[in-house]
Amino acid sequence: MPIRIKQKKFGPVFLRYSDDGSISYGMNSDSVDSPHPPVATPVDTLLASLGACIIKSVEWAANQKKTALNPYSVTVSGLKAGDLPNRIERLDIRVSADLTGDPDLASEIVKQAKSICTVSNSLNCEVTLSLEAEG
């Protein structure tokens, strides 16, 4: 009989992309103001790394489409697997806000960002990415 482990949620880690291209980090949505990723646990750092890679990938995809980005936020959370070995079973990334003013273009940019994100493409678990409408 396989050993079952209580599933645990990791994060969320919050990131903010500013109009000057900088990235800020936080462990709650009210204080996303650190220029450095969280390091309290390796999983927090992994979540922040995934979020930063998505932000850079969104930026690259927008540049390819010759589109300016509005400031936006990214939230990354994870779910621990319920069996051995200890690992993350799923990572969820939410890109929030109006990236470009054009929802269809924003959807294309997010889809392209997911396909080029080196960190998400290197992970051996399910990684989902969604765009949330602002408001």
Protein backbone atom coordinates (compact mmCIF):
# COMPACT_ATOMS: atom_id res chain seq x y z
CA MET A 1 0.00 0.00 0.00
CA PRO A 2 1.53 3.36 -0.99
CA ILE A 3 2.27 5.90 1.70
CA ARG A 4 -0.08 8.87 1.61
CA ILE A 5 1.14 12.31 2.63
CA LYS A 6 -1.11 15.15 3.65
CA GLN A 7 -1.22 17.60 0.78
CA LYS A 8 0.02 21.03 1.70
CA LYS A 9 -0.36 24.32 -0.10
CA PHE A 10 2.74 26.42 -0.74
CA GLY A 11 2.70 30.19 -1.14
CA PRO A 12 1.32 32.20 -2.55
CA VAL A 13 4.23 34.39 -3.55
CA PHE A 14 3.23 37.73 -5.03
CA LEU A 15 5.18 39.61 -7.70
CA ARG A 16 4.55 42.98 -9.28
CA TYR A 17 5.80 44.21 -12.65
CA SER A 18 6.15 48.00 -12.66
CA ASP A 19 6.01 50.27 -15.66
CA ASP A 20 9.79 50.81 -15.35
CA GLY A 21 10.33 47.07 -15.89
CA SER A 22 11.28 46.28 -12.29
CA ILE A 23 9.98 43.30 -10.33
CA SER A 24 8.92 43.46 -6.67
CA TYR A 25 8.21 40.49 -4.40
CA GLY A 26 6.08 39.83 -1.33
CA MET A 27 4.55 37.06 0.73
CA ASN A 28 1.19 38.82 0.94
CA SER A 29 -0.71 40.97 -1.52
CA ASP A 30 -0.50 44.08 0.69
CA SER A 31 3.30 44.28 0.76
CA VAL A 32 4.77 43.47 -2.63
CA ASP A 33 7.64 45.88 -2.16
CA SER A 34 10.86 43.90 -1.82
CA PRO A 35 13.36 44.01 -4.69
CA HIS A 36 14.51 40.51 -3.62
CA PRO A 37 12.68 37.19 -3.81
CA PRO A 38 11.66 35.51 -0.56
CA VAL A 39 14.16 33.07 0.90
CA ALA A 40 12.35 31.79 4.01
CA THR A 41 12.07 28.34 2.39
CA PRO A 42 13.45 26.86 -0.82
CA VAL A 43 9.88 26.39 -2.07
CA ASP A 44 9.17 30.12 -1.63
CA THR A 45 12.28 30.84 -3.68
CA LEU A 46 11.17 28.36 -6.35
CA LEU A 47 7.73 30.00 -6.56
CA ALA A 48 9.37 33.44 -6.86
CA SER A 49 11.73 32.16 -9.56
CA LEU A 50 8.83 30.77 -11.56
CA GLY A 51 6.93 34.07 -11.22
CA ALA A 52 9.97 36.11 -12.29
CA CYS A 53 10.49 33.86 -15.31
CA ILE A 54 6.85 34.31 -16.33
CA ILE A 55 7.20 38.09 -15.97
CA LYS A 56 10.33 38.13 -18.15
CA SER A 57 8.62 35.83 -20.66
CA VAL A 58 5.54 38.10 -20.79
CA GLU A 59 7.86 41.06 -21.34
CA TRP A 60 9.67 39.23 -24.16
CA ALA A 61 6.39 38.15 -25.81
CA ALA A 62 5.01 41.70 -25.62
CA ASN A 63 8.21 43.05 -27.20
CA GLN A 64 7.84 40.50 -30.02
CA LYS A 65 4.34 41.87 -30.64
CA LYS A 66 5.63 45.45 -30.33
CA THR A 67 3.22 46.09 -27.48
CA ALA A 68 3.80 48.10 -24.31
CA LEU A 69 2.81 46.50 -21.03
CA ASN A 70 0.83 48.07 -18.24
CA PRO A 71 1.91 47.34 -14.65
CA TYR A 72 0.51 43.99 -13.49
CA SER A 73 0.84 41.37 -10.78
CA VAL A 74 1.60 37.66 -10.71
CA THR A 75 0.64 35.22 -7.97
CA VAL A 76 2.29 31.80 -7.76
CA SER A 77 1.16 28.97 -5.48
CA GLY A 78 1.87 25.28 -5.26
CA LEU A 79 0.41 22.03 -4.01
CA LYS A 80 2.52 19.29 -2.43
CA ALA A 81 2.03 15.78 -3.83
CA GLY A 82 0.04 13.33 -1.72
CA ASP A 83 2.54 10.51 -2.15
CA LEU A 84 6.29 9.92 -2.09
CA PRO A 85 8.75 11.22 -3.01
CA ASN A 86 8.16 14.65 -1.45
CA ARG A 87 7.62 17.05 -4.33
CA ILE A 88 5.35 19.69 -5.73
CA GLU A 89 2.49 18.17 -7.66
CA ARG A 90 1.09 21.33 -9.21
CA LEU A 91 2.03 24.99 -9.57
CA ASP A 92 -0.53 27.66 -10.35
CA ILE A 93 0.34 31.08 -11.75
CA ARG A 94 -2.16 33.91 -12.07
CA VAL A 95 -1.37 36.98 -14.11
CA SER A 96 -3.69 39.76 -12.97
CA ALA A 97 -4.57 43.07 -14.54
CA ASP A 98 -4.97 44.58 -17.95
CA LEU A 99 -1.64 43.77 -19.59
CA THR A 100 -2.19 45.69 -22.81
CA GLY A 101 -5.67 47.17 -23.01
CA ASP A 102 -6.62 44.42 -25.49
CA PRO A 103 -7.84 41.20 -23.80
CA ASP A 104 -7.26 39.07 -26.91
CA LEU A 105 -3.69 40.31 -27.29
CA ALA A 106 -3.08 39.81 -23.55
CA SER A 107 -4.26 36.21 -23.87
CA GLU A 108 -1.88 35.61 -26.79
CA ILE A 109 1.01 37.13 -24.84
CA VAL A 110 0.33 34.97 -21.77
CA LYS A 111 0.04 31.83 -23.89
CA GLN A 112 3.34 32.61 -25.62
CA ALA A 113 4.98 33.43 -22.27
CA LYS A 114 4.01 30.01 -20.89
CA SER A 115 5.55 28.28 -23.90
CA ILE A 116 8.90 30.11 -23.57
CA CYS A 117 9.30 30.22 -19.78
CA THR A 118 12.47 28.24 -19.10
CA VAL A 119 11.64 27.62 -15.45
CA SER A 120 8.12 26.26 -16.05
CA ASN A 121 9.36 24.15 -18.96
CA SER A 122 12.06 22.64 -16.70
CA LEU A 123 9.74 21.55 -13.90
CA ASN A 124 8.49 17.99 -13.64
CA CYS A 125 4.98 18.80 -12.46
CA GLU A 126 1.82 20.31 -13.84
CA VAL A 127 2.14 24.07 -14.29
CA THR A 128 -0.98 26.08 -15.09
CA LEU A 129 -1.09 29.72 -16.11
CA SER A 130 -4.18 31.90 -16.29
CA LEU A 131 -4.99 35.53 -17.02
CA GLU A 132 -7.47 37.14 -14.64
CA ALA A 133 -9.63 40.01 -15.77
CA GLU A 134 -9.11 43.11 -13.67
CA GLY A 135 -11.94 44.38 -11.58
